[in-house]
Amino acid sequence: MLKNNFKISNIPAVLWGEKSEKVFIAVHGNMSNKEDAVIQILAEEANRKGYQVLSLSMEKEKMITLLAKYSFVLVNYL
């Protein structure tokens, strides 16, 4: 599976799977990270159904701000 590590506004991110118009944004819980096994399992299953998965590593407050402020930019970036 393709796995592209990059940053969005200095926030570490991973884009999993083949390029697609359909994307899931994966949000991990406390004591987890953007590359945990559960995220990889989600990415593998999503990719089989034609989706990519974008997983991000950040604190809750930064996640809310990023999604509220940049959702349009994120969708167009992908």
N, C-alpha and C. Protein backbone atom coordinates (compact mmCIF):
# COMPACT_ATOMS: atom_id res chain seq x y z
N MET A 1 0.84 -1.18 0.00
CA MET A 1 0.00 0.00 0.00
C MET A 1 0.89 1.24 0.00
N LEU A 2 0.48 2.23 -0.78
CA LEU A 2 1.21 3.50 -0.79
C LEU A 2 1.01 4.22 0.53
N LYS A 3 2.08 4.84 1.01
CA LYS A 3 2.03 5.59 2.27
C LYS A 3 2.89 6.83 2.09
N ASN A 4 2.24 7.99 2.05
CA ASN A 4 2.94 9.25 1.81
C ASN A 4 2.96 10.08 3.09
N ASN A 5 4.15 10.25 3.68
CA ASN A 5 4.32 11.08 4.88
C ASN A 5 4.62 12.52 4.44
N PHE A 6 3.92 13.47 5.03
CA PHE A 6 4.13 14.88 4.71
C PHE A 6 3.58 15.73 5.85
N LYS A 7 3.58 17.04 5.69
CA LYS A 7 3.04 17.94 6.72
C LYS A 7 2.02 18.88 6.10
N ILE A 8 0.98 19.18 6.87
CA ILE A 8 -0.02 20.18 6.50
C ILE A 8 0.05 21.25 7.58
N SER A 9 0.45 22.46 7.20
CA SER A 9 0.63 23.54 8.18
C SER A 9 1.47 23.07 9.36
N ASN A 10 2.56 22.40 9.07
CA ASN A 10 3.52 21.91 10.07
C ASN A 10 2.96 20.79 10.96
N ILE A 11 1.88 20.16 10.55
CA ILE A 11 1.27 19.05 11.29
C ILE A 11 1.60 17.76 10.55
N PRO A 12 2.26 16.79 11.22
CA PRO A 12 2.60 15.53 10.56
C PRO A 12 1.35 14.78 10.10
N ALA A 13 1.41 14.27 8.87
CA ALA A 13 0.27 13.56 8.29
C ALA A 13 0.75 12.39 7.45
N VAL A 14 -0.14 11.42 7.25
CA VAL A 14 0.12 10.30 6.35
C VAL A 14 -1.10 10.16 5.45
N LEU A 15 -0.85 10.06 4.15
CA LEU A 15 -1.90 9.78 3.19
C LEU A 15 -1.69 8.34 2.71
N TRP A 16 -2.66 7.48 3.01
CA TRP A 16 -2.57 6.05 2.72
C TRP A 16 -3.35 5.71 1.46
N GLY A 17 -2.79 4.84 0.62
CA GLY A 17 -3.51 4.27 -0.51
C GLY A 17 -3.34 5.00 -1.82
N GLU A 18 -3.93 4.39 -2.85
CA GLU A 18 -3.89 4.95 -4.20
C GLU A 18 -4.72 6.23 -4.25
N LYS A 19 -4.35 7.14 -5.16
CA LYS A 19 -5.08 8.40 -5.31
C LYS A 19 -6.55 8.13 -5.58
N SER A 20 -7.41 8.89 -4.91
CA SER A 20 -8.85 8.72 -5.05
C SER A 20 -9.55 10.04 -4.80
N GLU A 21 -10.74 10.17 -5.35
CA GLU A 21 -11.59 11.33 -5.08
C GLU A 21 -12.25 11.22 -3.71
N LYS A 22 -12.23 10.01 -3.12
CA LYS A 22 -12.91 9.75 -1.84
C LYS A 22 -11.85 9.55 -0.75
N VAL A 23 -12.00 10.29 0.35
CA VAL A 23 -10.99 10.26 1.43
C VAL A 23 -11.67 10.19 2.79
N PHE A 24 -11.16 9.31 3.64
CA PHE A 24 -11.52 9.30 5.06
C PHE A 24 -10.45 10.07 5.81
N ILE A 25 -10.85 10.85 6.81
CA ILE A 25 -9.88 11.48 7.72
C ILE A 25 -9.91 10.66 9.00
N ALA A 26 -8.76 10.06 9.33
CA ALA A 26 -8.66 9.20 10.51
C ALA A 26 -8.13 10.01 11.69
N VAL A 27 -8.88 9.95 12.78
CA VAL A 27 -8.51 10.66 14.00
C VAL A 27 -8.22 9.61 15.06
N HIS A 28 -7.01 9.62 15.59
CA HIS A 28 -6.64 8.62 16.60
C HIS A 28 -6.90 9.13 18.00
N GLY A 29 -6.94 8.21 18.94
CA GLY A 29 -7.20 8.55 20.33
C GLY A 29 -5.93 8.81 21.12
N ASN A 30 -6.11 9.06 22.40
CA ASN A 30 -5.01 9.29 23.32
C ASN A 30 -4.10 8.07 23.36
N MET A 31 -2.80 8.28 23.46
CA MET A 31 -1.80 7.22 23.53
C MET A 31 -1.72 6.44 22.21
N SER A 32 -2.09 7.05 21.12
CA SER A 32 -2.06 6.43 19.80
C SER A 32 -1.30 7.35 18.87
N ASN A 33 -1.16 6.97 17.60
CA ASN A 33 -0.52 7.86 16.64
C ASN A 33 -1.05 7.61 15.24
N LYS A 34 -0.66 8.46 14.31
CA LYS A 34 -1.20 8.44 12.96
C LYS A 34 -0.84 7.20 12.17
N GLU A 35 0.08 6.37 12.68
CA GLU A 35 0.51 5.17 11.96
C GLU A 35 0.23 3.89 12.74
N ASP A 36 -0.62 3.94 13.74
CA ASP A 36 -0.96 2.75 14.52
C ASP A 36 -1.56 1.66 13.64
N ALA A 37 -1.52 0.43 14.16
CA ALA A 37 -2.04 -0.73 13.42
C ALA A 37 -3.50 -0.54 13.05
N VAL A 38 -4.30 0.01 13.95
CA VAL A 38 -5.73 0.18 13.66
C VAL A 38 -5.95 1.15 12.50
N ILE A 39 -5.11 2.17 12.37
CA ILE A 39 -5.22 3.11 11.25
C ILE A 39 -4.80 2.40 9.96
N GLN A 40 -3.75 1.60 10.04
CA GLN A 40 -3.30 0.86 8.86
C GLN A 40 -4.38 -0.13 8.39
N ILE A 41 -5.02 -0.81 9.33
CA ILE A 41 -6.11 -1.74 8.98
C ILE A 41 -7.25 -0.98 8.30
N LEU A 42 -7.63 0.17 8.86
CA LEU A 42 -8.66 1.01 8.24
C LEU A 42 -8.24 1.39 6.83
N ALA A 43 -6.99 1.82 6.67
CA ALA A 43 -6.50 2.26 5.36
C ALA A 43 -6.54 1.12 4.34
N GLU A 44 -6.16 -0.07 4.75
CA GLU A 44 -6.18 -1.22 3.84
C GLU A 44 -7.61 -1.54 3.38
N GLU A 45 -8.54 -1.55 4.32
CA GLU A 45 -9.93 -1.85 3.98
C GLU A 45 -10.53 -0.72 3.13
N ALA A 46 -10.26 0.52 3.50
CA ALA A 46 -10.78 1.66 2.75
C ALA A 46 -10.23 1.65 1.32
N ASN A 47 -8.94 1.34 1.18
CA ASN A 47 -8.32 1.32 -0.14
C ASN A 47 -8.97 0.26 -1.03
N ARG A 48 -9.32 -0.88 -0.47
CA ARG A 48 -10.00 -1.92 -1.25
C ARG A 48 -11.35 -1.43 -1.77
N LYS A 49 -11.93 -0.47 -1.06
CA LYS A 49 -13.25 0.07 -1.47
C LYS A 49 -13.12 1.39 -2.24
N GLY A 50 -11.89 1.74 -2.62
CA GLY A 50 -11.68 2.92 -3.45
C GLY A 50 -11.46 4.23 -2.72
N TYR A 51 -11.14 4.17 -1.43
CA TYR A 51 -10.89 5.37 -0.63
C TYR A 51 -9.42 5.48 -0.26
N GLN A 52 -8.99 6.72 -0.02
CA GLN A 52 -7.71 6.97 0.63
C GLN A 52 -8.02 7.30 2.08
N VAL A 53 -7.00 7.23 2.94
CA VAL A 53 -7.15 7.63 4.34
C VAL A 53 -6.07 8.67 4.65
N LEU A 54 -6.49 9.77 5.24
CA LEU A 54 -5.57 10.80 5.71
C LEU A 54 -5.56 10.72 7.22
N SER A 55 -4.40 10.41 7.80
CA SER A 55 -4.29 10.39 9.26
C SER A 55 -3.33 11.49 9.69
N LEU A 56 -3.70 12.17 10.77
CA LEU A 56 -2.96 13.33 11.26
C LEU A 56 -2.52 13.11 12.70
N SER A 57 -1.42 13.73 13.07
CA SER A 57 -0.94 13.67 14.45
C SER A 57 -0.97 15.06 15.06
N MET A 58 -1.87 15.25 16.01
CA MET A 58 -1.93 16.55 16.66
C MET A 58 -2.82 16.49 17.89
N GLU A 59 -2.74 17.54 18.67
CA GLU A 59 -3.62 17.67 19.83
C GLU A 59 -5.04 17.99 19.36
N LYS A 60 -6.01 17.66 20.19
CA LYS A 60 -7.42 17.84 19.84
C LYS A 60 -7.72 19.28 19.39
N GLU A 61 -7.21 20.26 20.11
CA GLU A 61 -7.51 21.65 19.78
C GLU A 61 -6.98 22.02 18.40
N LYS A 62 -5.79 21.55 18.07
CA LYS A 62 -5.23 21.83 16.75
C LYS A 62 -6.03 21.14 15.66
N MET A 63 -6.49 19.91 15.94
CA MET A 63 -7.29 19.17 14.96
C MET A 63 -8.57 19.92 14.64
N ILE A 64 -9.27 20.38 15.66
CA ILE A 64 -10.53 21.09 15.46
C ILE A 64 -10.30 22.37 14.66
N THR A 65 -9.26 23.11 15.01
CA THR A 65 -8.94 24.35 14.30
C THR A 65 -8.61 24.06 12.84
N LEU A 66 -7.77 23.06 12.61
CA LEU A 66 -7.37 22.72 11.25
C LEU A 66 -8.58 22.33 10.40
N LEU A 67 -9.41 21.45 10.92
CA LEU A 67 -10.56 20.99 10.15
C LEU A 67 -11.56 22.11 9.90
N ALA A 68 -11.78 22.95 10.89
CA ALA A 68 -12.73 24.06 10.73
C ALA A 68 -12.21 25.10 9.74
N LYS A 69 -10.93 25.38 9.81
CA LYS A 69 -10.36 26.45 9.01
C LYS A 69 -9.96 26.01 7.61
N TYR A 70 -9.48 24.77 7.48
CA TYR A 70 -8.87 24.35 6.22
C TYR A 70 -9.56 23.18 5.53
N SER A 71 -10.79 22.82 5.90
CA SER A 71 -11.39 21.64 5.27
C SER A 71 -11.43 21.77 3.75
N PHE A 72 -11.79 22.93 3.24
CA PHE A 72 -11.84 23.11 1.79
C PHE A 72 -10.45 22.93 1.18
N VAL A 73 -9.44 23.49 1.84
CA VAL A 73 -8.06 23.38 1.35
C VAL A 73 -7.61 21.93 1.38
N LEU A 74 -7.93 21.20 2.46
CA LEU A 74 -7.55 19.79 2.56
C LEU A 74 -8.16 18.98 1.43
N VAL A 75 -9.43 19.19 1.17
CA VAL A 75 -10.11 18.43 0.12
C VAL A 75 -9.47 18.72 -1.23
N ASN A 76 -9.18 19.97 -1.50
CA ASN A 76 -8.56 20.32 -2.78
C ASN A 76 -7.11 19.86 -2.86
N TYR A 77 -6.42 19.82 -1.73
CA TYR A 77 -5.03 19.37 -1.70
C TYR A 77 -4.94 17.90 -2.09
N LEU A 78 -5.87 17.10 -1.59
CA LEU A 78 -5.85 15.67 -1.83
C LEU A 78 -6.27 15.38 -3.25
